[in-house]
Amino acid sequence: MIIDLILDRKDGAAFDPVEFGFEVMDYAETFPEIAKPIIEALESKNEQRVRHALCGYVLDNGYAPEICDYINAESWLPAWWDAE
């Protein structure tokens, strides 16, 4: 689940933004309506949009709102991936 990807990173697991994107895409095979906004945000290459989509996922699925504080404090896109 996408929440597990977020919480694993929060708990100190190694984070690779490209792998994160692939894992979200894998999740879309089962739950496309949940993953679609996050995938679209990742494809936008816009950090704020990704954070917004991740927080939307957290809140829409009843997870602790405090997780958004963590999401907003991190970068979710590759540093070398400049927005177009």
Protein backbone atom coordinates (compact mmCIF):
# COMPACT_ATOMS: atom_id res chain seq x y z
CA MET A 1 0.00 0.00 0.00
CA ILE A 2 1.12 3.54 -0.65
CA ILE A 3 0.87 4.40 3.03
CA ASP A 4 3.45 1.70 3.72
CA LEU A 5 5.85 3.34 1.27
CA ILE A 6 5.44 6.66 3.06
CA LEU A 7 5.71 5.24 6.57
CA ASP A 8 8.68 3.03 5.71
CA ARG A 9 10.54 6.12 4.56
CA LYS A 10 9.47 7.97 7.69
CA ASP A 11 10.86 5.09 9.76
CA GLY A 12 14.25 5.40 8.07
CA ALA A 13 14.08 2.98 5.15
CA ALA A 14 16.20 3.91 2.17
CA PHE A 15 14.24 6.01 -0.29
CA ASP A 16 14.67 6.07 -4.04
CA PRO A 17 12.21 8.47 -5.69
CA VAL A 18 12.29 6.57 -8.99
CA GLU A 19 11.52 3.28 -7.25
CA PHE A 20 8.78 5.03 -5.28
CA GLY A 21 7.17 6.08 -8.57
CA PHE A 22 7.35 2.52 -9.91
CA GLU A 23 5.82 1.14 -6.73
CA VAL A 24 2.95 3.63 -6.90
CA MET A 25 2.39 2.60 -10.53
CA ASP A 26 2.30 -1.05 -9.45
CA TYR A 27 -0.33 -0.14 -6.88
CA ALA A 28 -2.39 1.45 -9.65
CA GLU A 29 -2.92 -1.96 -11.20
CA THR A 30 -5.11 -2.89 -8.23
CA PHE A 31 -6.45 0.49 -7.14
CA PRO A 32 -6.20 2.89 -10.10
CA GLU A 33 -8.59 5.46 -8.62
CA ILE A 34 -6.40 5.82 -5.54
CA ALA A 35 -3.02 5.90 -7.30
CA LYS A 36 -4.00 8.04 -10.30
CA PRO A 37 -3.74 11.47 -8.60
CA ILE A 38 -0.32 10.57 -7.19
CA ILE A 39 0.93 9.29 -10.54
CA GLU A 40 -0.31 12.42 -12.29
CA ALA A 41 1.44 14.56 -9.69
CA LEU A 42 4.68 12.61 -10.09
CA GLU A 43 4.45 13.00 -13.86
CA SER A 44 3.99 16.75 -13.44
CA LYS A 45 7.47 16.94 -11.93
CA ASN A 46 6.10 19.44 -9.42
CA GLU A 47 7.09 18.80 -5.81
CA GLN A 48 4.18 20.76 -4.34
CA ARG A 49 1.71 18.85 -6.47
CA VAL A 50 3.20 15.53 -5.34
CA ARG A 51 2.98 16.55 -1.70
CA HIS A 52 -0.61 17.66 -2.20
CA ALA A 53 -1.55 14.35 -3.85
CA LEU A 54 0.15 12.31 -1.13
CA CYS A 55 -1.59 14.30 1.60
CA GLY A 56 -4.89 13.90 -0.22
CA TYR A 57 -4.32 10.16 -0.24
CA VAL A 58 -3.54 10.17 3.49
CA LEU A 59 -6.58 12.23 4.44
CA ASP A 60 -9.02 10.56 2.02
CA ASN A 61 -8.12 7.15 3.42
CA GLY A 62 -8.45 8.07 7.08
CA TYR A 63 -4.78 7.97 8.04
CA ALA A 64 -3.39 10.28 10.71
CA PRO A 65 -3.30 13.86 9.40
CA GLU A 66 0.08 14.34 11.08
CA ILE A 67 1.59 12.20 8.33
CA CYS A 68 1.11 15.21 6.05
CA ASP A 69 3.60 17.13 8.17
CA TYR A 70 6.19 14.51 7.30
CA ILE A 71 5.19 14.43 3.63
CA ASN A 72 5.52 18.21 3.38
CA ALA A 73 8.98 18.12 4.97
CA GLU A 74 10.45 15.74 2.39
CA SER A 75 11.29 15.74 -1.31
CA TRP A 76 9.51 13.04 -3.30
CA LEU A 77 11.01 13.69 -6.73
CA PRO A 78 14.56 12.99 -7.89
CA ALA A 79 16.86 15.96 -7.27
CA TRP A 80 18.08 15.75 -10.87
CA TRP A 81 14.51 15.84 -12.24
CA ASP A 82 14.00 19.48 -13.09
CA ALA A 83 10.45 20.59 -13.67
CA GLU A 84 9.64 21.43 -17.25
